[in-house]
Amino acid sequence: WIAGTTFLVLVVPLIIEMDREQQLNELELQQASLLGTPPVG
């Protein structure tokens, strides 16, 4: 129970934030390819 609640409180928000960051990066790459500019990095 302690391990499960710790996982929910600490790890799940981290996973959600990492997923948001990944979606933002994919969106930036898609916009850059539509505008014709080379992607950053």
Full PDB file with SEQRES, HELIX, SHEET, SSBOND, CRYST1, ORIGX, SCALE, CONECT and MASTER records, all heavy atoms in Angstrom:
SEQRES   1 A   41  TRP ILE ALA GLY THR THR PHE LEU VAL LEU VAL VAL PRO          
SEQRES   2 A   41  LEU ILE ILE GLU MET ASP ARG GLU GLN GLN LEU ASN GLU          
SEQRES   3 A   41  LEU GLU LEU GLN GLN ALA SER LEU LEU GLY THR PRO PRO          
SEQRES   4 A   41  VAL GLY                                                      
HELIX    1 AA1 ILE A    2  THR A    6  1                                   5    
HELIX    2 AA2 PHE A    7  VAL A   11  3                                   5    
HELIX    3 AA3 VAL A   12  LEU A   35  1                                  24    
CRYST1    1.000    1.000    1.000  90.00  90.00  90.00 P 1           1          
ORIGX1      1.000000  0.000000  0.000000        0.00000                         
ORIGX2      0.000000  1.000000  0.000000        0.00000                         
ORIGX3      0.000000  0.000000  1.000000        0.00000                         
SCALE1      1.000000  0.000000  0.000000        0.00000                         
SCALE2      0.000000  1.000000  0.000000        0.00000                         
SCALE3      0.000000  0.000000  1.000000        0.00000                         
ATOM      1  N   TRP A   1       0.835  -1.199   0.000  1.00  0.00           N  
ATOM      2  CA  TRP A   1       0.000   0.000   0.000  1.00  0.00           C  
ATOM      3  C   TRP A   1       0.868   1.248   0.000  1.00  0.00           C  
ATOM      4  O   TRP A   1       0.606   2.202  -0.734  1.00  0.00           O  
ATOM      5  CB  TRP A   1      -0.921  -0.004   1.217  1.00  0.00           C  
ATOM      6  CG  TRP A   1      -1.873   1.147   1.219  1.00  0.00           C  
ATOM      7  CD1 TRP A   1      -3.080   1.218   0.596  1.00  0.00           C  
ATOM      8  CD2 TRP A   1      -1.683   2.413   1.861  1.00  0.00           C  
ATOM      9  NE1 TRP A   1      -3.650   2.441   0.816  1.00  0.00           N  
ATOM     10  CE2 TRP A   1      -2.826   3.201   1.591  1.00  0.00           C  
ATOM     11  CE3 TRP A   1      -0.667   2.945   2.643  1.00  0.00           C  
ATOM     12  CZ2 TRP A   1      -2.966   4.489   2.071  1.00  0.00           C  
ATOM     13  CZ3 TRP A   1      -0.817   4.237   3.119  1.00  0.00           C  
ATOM     14  CH2 TRP A   1      -1.952   4.990   2.831  1.00  0.00           C  
ATOM     15  N   ILE A   2       1.921   1.262   0.796  1.00  0.00           N  
ATOM     16  CA  ILE A   2       2.828   2.417   0.854  1.00  0.00           C  
ATOM     17  C   ILE A   2       3.502   2.617  -0.499  1.00  0.00           C  
ATOM     18  O   ILE A   2       3.578   3.739  -1.013  1.00  0.00           O  
ATOM     19  CB  ILE A   2       3.862   2.236   1.977  1.00  0.00           C  
ATOM     20  CG1 ILE A   2       3.174   2.339   3.342  1.00  0.00           C  
ATOM     21  CG2 ILE A   2       4.985   3.255   1.869  1.00  0.00           C  
ATOM     22  CD1 ILE A   2       4.041   1.938   4.509  1.00  0.00           C  
ATOM     23  N   ALA A   3       3.979   1.538  -1.100  1.00  0.00           N  
ATOM     24  CA  ALA A   3       4.643   1.642  -2.406  1.00  0.00           C  
ATOM     25  C   ALA A   3       3.661   2.125  -3.473  1.00  0.00           C  
ATOM     26  O   ALA A   3       4.001   2.960  -4.323  1.00  0.00           O  
ATOM     27  CB  ALA A   3       5.235   0.295  -2.795  1.00  0.00           C  
ATOM     28  N   GLY A   4       2.432   1.625  -3.429  1.00  0.00           N  
ATOM     29  CA  GLY A   4       1.433   2.033  -4.422  1.00  0.00           C  
ATOM     30  C   GLY A   4       1.063   3.498  -4.321  1.00  0.00           C  
ATOM     31  O   GLY A   4       0.987   4.198  -5.331  1.00  0.00           O  
ATOM     32  N   THR A   5       0.829   3.973  -3.109  1.00  0.00           N  
ATOM     33  CA  THR A   5       0.459   5.382  -2.963  1.00  0.00           C  
ATOM     34  C   THR A   5       1.642   6.297  -3.274  1.00  0.00           C  
ATOM     35  O   THR A   5       1.459   7.371  -3.858  1.00  0.00           O  
ATOM     36  CB  THR A   5      -0.055   5.676  -1.546  1.00  0.00           C  
ATOM     37  OG1 THR A   5       0.864   5.155  -0.590  1.00  0.00           O  
ATOM     38  CG2 THR A   5      -1.415   5.077  -1.320  1.00  0.00           C  
ATOM     39  N   THR A   6       2.843   5.874  -2.927  1.00  0.00           N  
ATOM     40  CA  THR A   6       4.025   6.665  -3.278  1.00  0.00           C  
ATOM     41  C   THR A   6       4.165   6.765  -4.782  1.00  0.00           C  
ATOM     42  O   THR A   6       4.463   7.833  -5.330  1.00  0.00           O  
ATOM     43  CB  THR A   6       5.285   6.043  -2.662  1.00  0.00           C  
ATOM     44  OG1 THR A   6       5.124   5.980  -1.246  1.00  0.00           O  
ATOM     45  CG2 THR A   6       6.518   6.855  -2.992  1.00  0.00           C  
ATOM     46  N   PHE A   7       3.931   5.649  -5.478  1.00  0.00           N  
ATOM     47  CA  PHE A   7       3.998   5.652  -6.935  1.00  0.00           C  
ATOM     48  C   PHE A   7       2.963   6.608  -7.514  1.00  0.00           C  
ATOM     49  O   PHE A   7       3.264   7.390  -8.414  1.00  0.00           O  
ATOM     50  CB  PHE A   7       3.764   4.228  -7.459  1.00  0.00           C  
ATOM     51  CG  PHE A   7       3.792   4.114  -8.947  1.00  0.00           C  
ATOM     52  CD1 PHE A   7       4.992   4.091  -9.625  1.00  0.00           C  
ATOM     53  CD2 PHE A   7       2.610   4.034  -9.667  1.00  0.00           C  
ATOM     54  CE1 PHE A   7       5.028   3.988 -11.007  1.00  0.00           C  
ATOM     55  CE2 PHE A   7       2.628   3.931 -11.049  1.00  0.00           C  
ATOM     56  CZ  PHE A   7       3.836   3.913 -11.716  1.00  0.00           C  
ATOM     57  N   LEU A   8       1.746   6.573  -6.978  1.00  0.00           N  
ATOM     58  CA  LEU A   8       0.696   7.454  -7.500  1.00  0.00           C  
ATOM     59  C   LEU A   8       1.009   8.919  -7.249  1.00  0.00           C  
ATOM     60  O   LEU A   8       0.762   9.772  -8.102  1.00  0.00           O  
ATOM     61  CB  LEU A   8      -0.651   7.102  -6.855  1.00  0.00           C  
ATOM     62  CG  LEU A   8      -1.302   5.815  -7.339  1.00  0.00           C  
ATOM     63  CD1 LEU A   8      -2.555   5.520  -6.527  1.00  0.00           C  
ATOM     64  CD2 LEU A   8      -1.643   5.907  -8.807  1.00  0.00           C  
ATOM     65  N   VAL A   9       1.575   9.234  -6.103  1.00  0.00           N  
ATOM     66  CA  VAL A   9       1.818  10.631  -5.756  1.00  0.00           C  
ATOM     67  C   VAL A   9       3.044  11.190  -6.465  1.00  0.00           C  
ATOM     68  O   VAL A   9       3.050  12.338  -6.913  1.00  0.00           O  
ATOM     69  CB  VAL A   9       1.957  10.782  -4.227  1.00  0.00           C  
ATOM     70  CG1 VAL A   9       2.461  12.143  -3.835  1.00  0.00           C  
ATOM     71  CG2 VAL A   9       0.614  10.498  -3.558  1.00  0.00           C  
ATOM     72  N   LEU A  10       4.106  10.391  -6.598  1.00  0.00           N  
ATOM     73  CA  LEU A  10       5.364  10.908  -7.133  1.00  0.00           C  
ATOM     74  C   LEU A  10       5.606  10.561  -8.597  1.00  0.00           C  
ATOM     75  O   LEU A  10       6.080  11.405  -9.365  1.00  0.00           O  
ATOM     76  CB  LEU A  10       6.536  10.386  -6.293  1.00  0.00           C  
ATOM     77  CG  LEU A  10       6.543  10.796  -4.823  1.00  0.00           C  
ATOM     78  CD1 LEU A  10       7.698  10.145  -4.103  1.00  0.00           C  
ATOM     79  CD2 LEU A  10       6.611  12.300  -4.696  1.00  0.00           C  
ATOM     80  N   VAL A  11       5.320   9.357  -9.012  1.00  0.00           N  
ATOM     81  CA  VAL A  11       5.731   8.896 -10.338  1.00  0.00           C  
ATOM     82  C   VAL A  11       4.697   9.208 -11.412  1.00  0.00           C  
ATOM     83  O   VAL A  11       5.062   9.600 -12.518  1.00  0.00           O  
ATOM     84  CB  VAL A  11       6.064   7.389 -10.301  1.00  0.00           C  
ATOM     85  CG1 VAL A  11       6.451   6.868 -11.667  1.00  0.00           C  
ATOM     86  CG2 VAL A  11       7.186   7.121  -9.304  1.00  0.00           C  
ATOM     87  N   VAL A  12       3.421   9.059 -11.125  1.00  0.00           N  
ATOM     88  CA  VAL A  12       2.395   9.298 -12.141  1.00  0.00           C  
ATOM     89  C   VAL A  12       2.415  10.746 -12.636  1.00  0.00           C  
ATOM     90  O   VAL A  12       2.367  10.978 -13.856  1.00  0.00           O  
ATOM     91  CB  VAL A  12       0.999   8.877 -11.624  1.00  0.00           C  
ATOM     92  CG1 VAL A  12      -0.102   9.333 -12.559  1.00  0.00           C  
ATOM     93  CG2 VAL A  12       0.947   7.368 -11.444  1.00  0.00           C  
ATOM     94  N   PRO A  13       2.519  11.761 -11.784  1.00  0.00           N  
ATOM     95  CA  PRO A  13       2.631  13.121 -12.327  1.00  0.00           C  
ATOM     96  C   PRO A  13       3.882  13.315 -13.200  1.00  0.00           C  
ATOM     97  O   PRO A  13       3.840  14.037 -14.198  1.00  0.00           O  
ATOM     98  CB  PRO A  13       2.707  14.004 -11.079  1.00  0.00           C  
ATOM     99  CG  PRO A  13       2.033  13.216 -10.023  1.00  0.00           C  
ATOM    100  CD  PRO A  13       2.363  11.802 -10.325  1.00  0.00           C  
ATOM    101  N   LEU A  14       4.982  12.669 -12.834  1.00  0.00           N  
ATOM    102  CA  LEU A  14       6.188  12.745 -13.651  1.00  0.00           C  
ATOM    103  C   LEU A  14       5.957  12.136 -15.028  1.00  0.00           C  
ATOM    104  O   LEU A  14       6.359  12.713 -16.052  1.00  0.00           O  
ATOM    105  CB  LEU A  14       7.344  12.030 -12.944  1.00  0.00           C  
ATOM    106  CG  LEU A  14       8.665  11.982 -13.695  1.00  0.00           C  
ATOM    107  CD1 LEU A  14       9.231  13.381 -13.859  1.00  0.00           C  
ATOM    108  CD2 LEU A  14       9.634  11.078 -12.972  1.00  0.00           C  
ATOM    109  N   ILE A  15       5.280  11.008 -15.079  1.00  0.00           N  
ATOM    110  CA  ILE A  15       4.977  10.361 -16.363  1.00  0.00           C  
ATOM    111  C   ILE A  15       4.068  11.252 -17.203  1.00  0.00           C  
ATOM    112  O   ILE A  15       4.270  11.405 -18.411  1.00  0.00           O  
ATOM    113  CB  ILE A  15       4.343   8.975 -16.124  1.00  0.00           C  
ATOM    114  CG1 ILE A  15       5.367   8.028 -15.521  1.00  0.00           C  
ATOM    115  CG2 ILE A  15       3.780   8.397 -17.407  1.00  0.00           C  
ATOM    116  CD1 ILE A  15       4.797   6.705 -15.064  1.00  0.00           C  
ATOM    117  N   ILE A  16       3.071  11.869 -16.576  1.00  0.00           N  
ATOM    118  CA  ILE A  16       2.162  12.758 -17.308  1.00  0.00           C  
ATOM    119  C   ILE A  16       2.927  13.955 -17.867  1.00  0.00           C  
ATOM    120  O   ILE A  16       2.734  14.352 -19.027  1.00  0.00           O  
ATOM    121  CB  ILE A  16       1.007  13.207 -16.391  1.00  0.00           C  
ATOM    122  CG1 ILE A  16       0.108  12.009 -16.069  1.00  0.00           C  
ATOM    123  CG2 ILE A  16       0.201  14.334 -17.022  1.00  0.00           C  
ATOM    124  CD1 ILE A  16      -0.928  12.288 -15.002  1.00  0.00           C  
ATOM    125  N   GLU A  17       3.807  14.538 -17.066  1.00  0.00           N  
ATOM    126  CA  GLU A  17       4.585  15.692 -17.527  1.00  0.00           C  
ATOM    127  C   GLU A  17       5.526  15.305 -18.666  1.00  0.00           C  
ATOM    128  O   GLU A  17       5.696  16.059 -19.630  1.00  0.00           O  
ATOM    129  CB  GLU A  17       5.370  16.293 -16.363  1.00  0.00           C  
ATOM    130  CG  GLU A  17       6.071  17.589 -16.688  1.00  0.00           C  
ATOM    131  CD  GLU A  17       5.134  18.683 -17.162  1.00  0.00           C  
ATOM    132  OE1 GLU A  17       3.985  18.748 -16.684  1.00  0.00           O  
ATOM    133  OE2 GLU A  17       5.563  19.482 -18.022  1.00  0.00           O  
ATOM    134  N   MET A  18       6.147  14.147 -18.569  1.00  0.00           N  
ATOM    135  CA  MET A  18       7.030  13.688 -19.658  1.00  0.00           C  
ATOM    136  C   MET A  18       6.234  13.460 -20.941  1.00  0.00           C  
ATOM    137  O   MET A  18       6.713  13.774 -22.047  1.00  0.00           O  
ATOM    138  CB  MET A  18       7.753  12.403 -19.246  1.00  0.00           C  
ATOM    139  CG  MET A  18       8.806  12.629 -18.177  1.00  0.00           C  
ATOM    140  SD  MET A  18       9.517  11.119 -17.516  1.00  0.00           S  
ATOM    141  CE  MET A  18      10.190  10.356 -18.946  1.00  0.00           C  
ATOM    142  N   ASP A  19       5.007  12.955 -20.829  1.00  0.00           N  
ATOM    143  CA  ASP A  19       4.155  12.754 -22.004  1.00  0.00           C  
ATOM    144  C   ASP A  19       3.778  14.098 -22.628  1.00  0.00           C  
ATOM    145  O   ASP A  19       3.794  14.252 -23.857  1.00  0.00           O  
ATOM    146  CB  ASP A  19       2.905  11.970 -21.600  1.00  0.00           C  
ATOM    147  CG  ASP A  19       2.063  11.592 -22.800  1.00  0.00           C  
ATOM    148  OD1 ASP A  19       2.645  11.117 -23.795  1.00  0.00           O  
ATOM    149  OD2 ASP A  19       0.825  11.763 -22.729  1.00  0.00           O  
ATOM    150  N   ARG A  20       3.442  15.078 -21.789  1.00  0.00           N  
ATOM    151  CA  ARG A  20       3.129  16.420 -22.313  1.00  0.00           C  
ATOM    152  C   ARG A  20       4.330  17.014 -23.056  1.00  0.00           C  
ATOM    153  O   ARG A  20       4.185  17.634 -24.106  1.00  0.00           O  
ATOM    154  CB  ARG A  20       2.737  17.351 -21.177  1.00  0.00           C  
ATOM    155  CG  ARG A  20       1.358  17.144 -20.658  1.00  0.00           C  
ATOM    156  CD  ARG A  20       1.038  18.160 -19.589  1.00  0.00           C  
ATOM    157  NE  ARG A  20      -0.250  17.894 -18.977  1.00  0.00           N  
ATOM    158  CZ  ARG A  20      -0.651  18.418 -17.837  1.00  0.00           C  
ATOM    159  NH1 ARG A  20       0.145  19.240 -17.175  1.00  0.00           N  
ATOM    160  NH2 ARG A  20      -1.833  18.131 -17.348  1.00  0.00           N  
ATOM    161  N   GLU A  21       5.516  16.852 -22.474  1.00  0.00           N  
ATOM    162  CA  GLU A  21       6.731  17.373 -23.113  1.00  0.00           C  
ATOM    163  C   GLU A  21       6.967  16.708 -24.463  1.00  0.00           C  
ATOM    164  O   GLU A  21       7.328  17.367 -25.437  1.00  0.00           O  
ATOM    165  CB  GLU A  21       7.923  17.145 -22.179  1.00  0.00           C  
ATOM    166  CG  GLU A  21       9.224  17.744 -22.665  1.00  0.00           C  
ATOM    167  CD  GLU A  21       9.228  19.259 -22.616  1.00  0.00           C  
ATOM    168  OE1 GLU A  21       8.507  19.843 -21.806  1.00  0.00           O  
ATOM    169  OE2 GLU A  21       9.975  19.861 -23.430  1.00  0.00           O  
ATOM    170  N   GLN A  22       6.746  15.408 -24.523  1.00  0.00           N  
ATOM    171  CA  GLN A  22       6.920  14.679 -25.784  1.00  0.00           C  
ATOM    172  C   GLN A  22       5.917  15.168 -26.830  1.00  0.00           C  
ATOM    173  O   GLN A  22       6.274  15.355 -27.994  1.00  0.00           O  
ATOM    174  CB  GLN A  22       6.744  13.169 -25.539  1.00  0.00           C  
ATOM    175  CG  GLN A  22       6.886  12.320 -26.775  1.00  0.00           C  
ATOM    176  CD  GLN A  22       8.294  12.330 -27.327  1.00  0.00           C  
ATOM    177  OE1 GLN A  22       9.252  12.481 -26.590  1.00  0.00           O  
ATOM    178  NE2 GLN A  22       8.419  12.194 -28.626  1.00  0.00           N  
ATOM    179  N   GLN A  23       4.670  15.368 -26.419  1.00  0.00           N  
ATOM    180  CA  GLN A  23       3.669  15.872 -27.365  1.00  0.00           C  
ATOM    181  C   GLN A  23       4.022  17.272 -27.852  1.00  0.00           C  
ATOM    182  O   GLN A  23       3.837  17.590 -29.035  1.00  0.00           O  
ATOM    183  CB  GLN A  23       2.289  15.874 -26.708  1.00  0.00           C  
ATOM    184  CG  GLN A  23       1.696  14.501 -26.514  1.00  0.00           C  
ATOM    185  CD  GLN A  23       0.361  14.558 -25.792  1.00  0.00           C  
ATOM    186  OE1 GLN A  23      -0.096  15.621 -25.360  1.00  0.00           O  
ATOM    187  NE2 GLN A  23      -0.273  13.393 -25.654  1.00  0.00           N  
ATOM    188  N   LEU A  24       4.548  18.118 -26.962  1.00  0.00           N  
ATOM    189  CA  LEU A  24       4.942  19.470 -27.344  1.00  0.00           C  
ATOM    190  C   LEU A  24       6.096  19.430 -28.350  1.00  0.00           C  
ATOM    191  O   LEU A  24       6.085  20.175 -29.351  1.00  0.00           O  
ATOM    192  CB  LEU A  24       5.339  20.268 -26.104  1.00  0.00           C  
ATOM    193  CG  LEU A  24       5.731  21.727 -26.339  1.00  0.00           C  
ATOM    194  CD1 LEU A  24       4.557  22.509 -26.901  1.00  0.00           C  
ATOM    195  CD2 LEU A  24       6.224  22.349 -25.055  1.00  0.00           C  
ATOM    196  N   ASN A  25       7.062  18.543 -28.117  1.00  0.00           N  
ATOM    197  CA  ASN A  25       8.178  18.414 -29.058  1.00  0.00           C  
ATOM    198  C   ASN A  25       7.703  17.930 -30.423  1.00  0.00           C  
ATOM    199  O   ASN A  25       8.167  18.427 -31.464  1.00  0.00           O  
ATOM    200  CB  ASN A  25       9.230  17.449 -28.505  1.00  0.00           C  
ATOM    201  CG  ASN A  25      10.001  18.044 -27.352  1.00  0.00           C  
ATOM    202  OD1 ASN A  25      10.037  19.265 -27.178  1.00  0.00           O  
ATOM    203  ND2 ASN A  25      10.611  17.183 -26.543  1.00  0.00           N  
ATOM    204  N   GLU A  26       6.787  16.975 -30.438  1.00  0.00           N  
ATOM    205  CA  GLU A  26       6.256  16.485 -31.719  1.00  0.00           C  
ATOM    206  C   GLU A  26       5.488  17.586 -32.443  1.00  0.00           C  
ATOM    207  O   GLU A  26       5.578  17.715 -33.670  1.00  0.00           O  
ATOM    208  CB  GLU A  26       5.361  15.270 -31.490  1.00  0.00           C  
ATOM    209  CG  GLU A  26       6.111  14.018 -31.077  1.00  0.00           C  
ATOM    210  CD  GLU A  26       5.177  12.867 -30.726  1.00  0.00           C  
ATOM    211  OE1 GLU A  26       3.943  13.033 -30.809  1.00  0.00           O  
ATOM    212  OE2 GLU A  26       5.706  11.799 -30.353  1.00  0.00           O  
ATOM    213  N   LEU A  27       4.746  18.392 -31.704  1.00  0.00           N  
ATOM    214  CA  LEU A  27       4.002  19.494 -32.309  1.00  0.00           C  
ATOM    215  C   LEU A  27       4.951  20.530 -32.908  1.00  0.00           C  
ATOM    216  O   LEU A  27       4.732  21.025 -34.023  1.00  0.00           O  
ATOM    217  CB  LEU A  27       3.093  20.143 -31.259  1.00  0.00           C  
ATOM    218  CG  LEU A  27       2.220  21.295 -31.751  1.00  0.00           C  
ATOM    219  CD1 LEU A  27       1.221  20.803 -32.789  1.00  0.00           C  
ATOM    220  CD2 LEU A  27       1.511  21.951 -30.583  1.00  0.00           C  
ATOM    221  N   GLU A  28       6.020  20.841 -32.195  1.00  0.00           N  
ATOM    222  CA  GLU A  28       7.006  21.792 -32.724  1.00  0.00           C  
ATOM    223  C   GLU A  28       7.666  21.251 -33.984  1.00  0.00           C  
ATOM    224  O   GLU A  28       7.900  21.997 -34.943  1.00  0.00           O  
ATOM    225  CB  GLU A  28       8.057  22.104 -31.661  1.00  0.00           C  
ATOM    226  CG  GLU A  28       7.538  22.986 -30.539  1.00  0.00           C  
ATOM    227  CD  GLU A  28       8.580  23.213 -29.452  1.00  0.00           C  
ATOM    228  OE1 GLU A  28       9.679  22.617 -29.539  1.00  0.00           O  
ATOM    229  OE2 GLU A  28       8.287  23.981 -28.533  1.00  0.00           O  
ATOM    230  N   LEU A  29       8.000  19.961 -33.989  1.00  0.00           N  
ATOM    231  CA  LEU A  29       8.597  19.364 -35.191  1.00  0.00           C  
ATOM    232  C   LEU A  29       7.624  19.397 -36.359  1.00  0.00           C  
ATOM    233  O   LEU A  29       8.017  19.678 -37.505  1.00  0.00           O  
ATOM    234  CB  LEU A  29       9.013  17.908 -34.912  1.00  0.00           C  
ATOM    235  CG  LEU A  29      10.277  17.705 -34.082  1.00  0.00           C  
ATOM    236  CD1 LEU A  29      10.471  16.239 -33.762  1.00  0.00           C  
ATOM    237  CD2 LEU A  29      11.479  18.242 -34.839  1.00  0.00           C  
ATOM    238  N   GLN A  30       6.362  19.139 -36.101  1.00  0.00           N  
ATOM    239  CA  GLN A  30       5.361  19.166 -37.172  1.00  0.00           C  
ATOM    240  C   GLN A  30       5.185  20.579 -37.715  1.00  0.00           C  
ATOM    241  O   GLN A  30       5.120  20.791 -38.929  1.00  0.00           O  
ATOM    242  CB  GLN A  30       4.035  18.631 -36.633  1.00  0.00           C  
ATOM    243  CG  GLN A  30       2.959  18.478 -37.682  1.00  0.00           C  
ATOM    244  CD  GLN A  30       1.661  17.960 -37.093  1.00  0.00           C  
ATOM    245  OE1 GLN A  30       1.455  18.018 -35.889  1.00  0.00           O  
ATOM    246  NE2 GLN A  30       0.792  17.461 -37.953  1.00  0.00           N  
ATOM    247  N   GLN A  31       5.151  21.573 -36.828  1.00  0.00           N  
ATOM    248  CA  GLN A  31       5.009  22.955 -37.289  1.00  0.00           C  
ATOM    249  C   GLN A  31       6.246  23.393 -38.069  1.00  0.00           C  
ATOM    250  O   GLN A  31       6.140  24.099 -39.081  1.00  0.00           O  
ATOM    251  CB  GLN A  31       4.792  23.883 -36.103  1.00  0.00           C  
ATOM    252  CG  GLN A  31       3.409  23.788 -35.496  1.00  0.00           C  
ATOM    253  CD  GLN A  31       3.250  24.659 -34.271  1.00  0.00           C  
ATOM    254  OE1 GLN A  31       4.221  25.210 -33.761  1.00  0.00           O  
ATOM    255  NE2 GLN A  31       2.011  24.780 -33.793  1.00  0.00           N  
ATOM    256  N   ALA A  32       7.422  22.980 -37.619  1.00  0.00           N  
ATOM    257  CA  ALA A  32       8.648  23.351 -38.318  1.00  0.00           C  
ATOM    258  C   ALA A  32       8.697  22.726 -39.699  1.00  0.00           C  
ATOM    259  O   ALA A  32       9.147  23.357 -40.666  1.00  0.00           O  
ATOM    260  CB  ALA A  32       9.864  22.920 -37.504  1.00  0.00           C  
ATOM    261  N   SER A  33       8.229  21.508 -39.839  1.00  0.00           N  
ATOM    262  CA  SER A  33       8.251  20.866 -41.153  1.00  0.00           C  
ATOM    263  C   SER A  33       7.226  21.507 -42.084  1.00  0.00           C  
ATOM    264  O   SER A  33       7.440  21.592 -43.293  1.00  0.00           O  
ATOM    265  CB  SER A  33       7.991  19.361 -41.031  1.00  0.00           C  
ATOM    266  OG  SER A  33       6.669  19.122 -40.596  1.00  0.00           O  
ATOM    267  N   LEU A  34       6.110  21.994 -41.555  1.00  0.00           N  
ATOM    268  CA  LEU A  34       5.115  22.660 -42.383  1.00  0.00           C  
ATOM    269  C   LEU A  34       5.607  24.030 -42.843  1.00  0.00           C  
ATOM    270  O   LEU A  34       5.317  24.464 -43.964  1.00  0.00           O  
ATOM    271  CB  LEU A  34       3.800  22.815 -41.620  1.00  0.00           C  
ATOM    272  CG  LEU A  34       2.987  21.543 -41.386  1.00  0.00           C  
ATOM    273  CD1 LEU A  34       1.784  21.840 -40.503  1.00  0.00           C  
ATOM    274  CD2 LEU A  34       2.540  20.943 -42.701  1.00  0.00           C  
ATOM    275  N   LEU A  35       6.367  24.717 -41.987  1.00  0.00           N  
ATOM    276  CA  LEU A  35       6.869  26.038 -42.340  1.00  0.00           C  
ATOM    277  C   LEU A  35       8.129  25.967 -43.183  1.00  0.00           C  
ATOM    278  O   LEU A  35       8.552  26.981 -43.746  1.00  0.00           O  
ATOM    279  CB  LEU A  35       7.143  26.851 -41.067  1.00  0.00           C  
ATOM    280  CG  LEU A  35       5.906  27.188 -40.213  1.00  0.00           C  
ATOM    281  CD1 LEU A  35       6.327  27.872 -38.935  1.00  0.00           C  
ATOM    282  CD2 LEU A  35       4.949  28.064 -41.004  1.00  0.00           C  
ATOM    283  N   GLY A  36       8.756  24.808 -43.246  1.00  0.00           N  
ATOM    284  CA  GLY A  36       9.946  24.641 -44.071  1.00  0.00           C  
ATOM    285  C   GLY A  36      11.234  24.971 -43.392  1.00  0.00           C  
ATOM    286  O   GLY A  36      12.290  24.989 -44.013  1.00  0.00           O  
ATOM    287  N   THR A  37      11.216  25.243 -42.103  1.00  0.00           N  
ATOM    288  CA  THR A  37      12.455  25.535 -41.404  1.00  0.00           C  
ATOM    289  C   THR A  37      13.020  24.235 -40.853  1.00  0.00           C  
ATOM    290  O   THR A  37      12.288  23.321 -40.482  1.00  0.00           O  
ATOM    291  CB  THR A  37      12.224  26.508 -40.234  1.00  0.00           C  
ATOM    292  OG1 THR A  37      11.276  25.937 -39.336  1.00  0.00           O  
ATOM    293  CG2 THR A  37      11.710  27.838 -40.736  1.00  0.00           C  
ATOM    294  N   PRO A  38      14.363  24.121 -40.803  1.00  0.00           N  
ATOM    295  CA  PRO A  38      14.921  22.894 -40.256  1.00  0.00           C  
ATOM    296  C   PRO A  38      14.640  22.790 -38.762  1.00  0.00           C  
ATOM    297  O   PRO A  38      14.648  23.806 -38.061  1.00  0.00           O  
ATOM    298  CB  PRO A  38      16.428  23.033 -40.531  1.00  0.00           C  
ATOM    299  CG  PRO A  38      16.659  24.480 -40.701  1.00  0.00           C  
ATOM    300  CD  PRO A  38      15.373  25.068 -41.238  1.00  0.00           C  
ATOM    301  N   PRO A  39      14.330  21.578 -38.267  1.00  0.00           N  
ATOM    302  CA  PRO A  39      14.038  21.434 -36.836  1.00  0.00           C  
ATOM    303  C   PRO A  39      15.261  21.763 -35.990  1.00  0.00           C  
ATOM    304  O   PRO A  39      16.389  21.556 -36.397  1.00  0.00           O  
ATOM    305  CB  PRO A  39      13.651  19.967 -36.677  1.00  0.00           C  
ATOM    306  CG  PRO A  39      13.778  19.342 -38.028  1.00  0.00           C  
ATOM    307  CD  PRO A  39      14.233  20.355 -38.995  1.00  0.00           C  
ATOM    308  N   VAL A  40      15.014  22.299 -34.820  1.00  0.00           N  
ATOM    309  CA  VAL A  40      16.076  22.673 -33.907  1.00  0.00           C  
ATOM    310  C   VAL A  40      16.724  21.421 -33.339  1.00  0.00           C  
ATOM    311  O   VAL A  40      16.053  20.493 -32.920  1.00  0.00           O  
ATOM    312  CB  VAL A  40      15.517  23.538 -32.767  1.00  0.00           C  
ATOM    313  CG1 VAL A  40      16.610  23.917 -31.779  1.00  0.00           C  
ATOM    314  CG2 VAL A  40      14.833  24.779 -33.332  1.00  0.00           C  
ATOM    315  N   GLY A  41      18.055  21.383 -33.356  1.00  0.00           N  
ATOM    316  CA  GLY A  41      18.764  20.245 -32.787  1.00  0.00           C  
ATOM    317  C   GLY A  41      19.043  19.146 -33.791  1.00  0.00           C  
ATOM    318  O   GLY A  41      19.651  18.150 -33.425  1.00  0.00           O  
TER     319      GLY A  41                                                      
MASTER        0    0    0    3    0    0    0    6  318    1    0    4          
END                                                                             
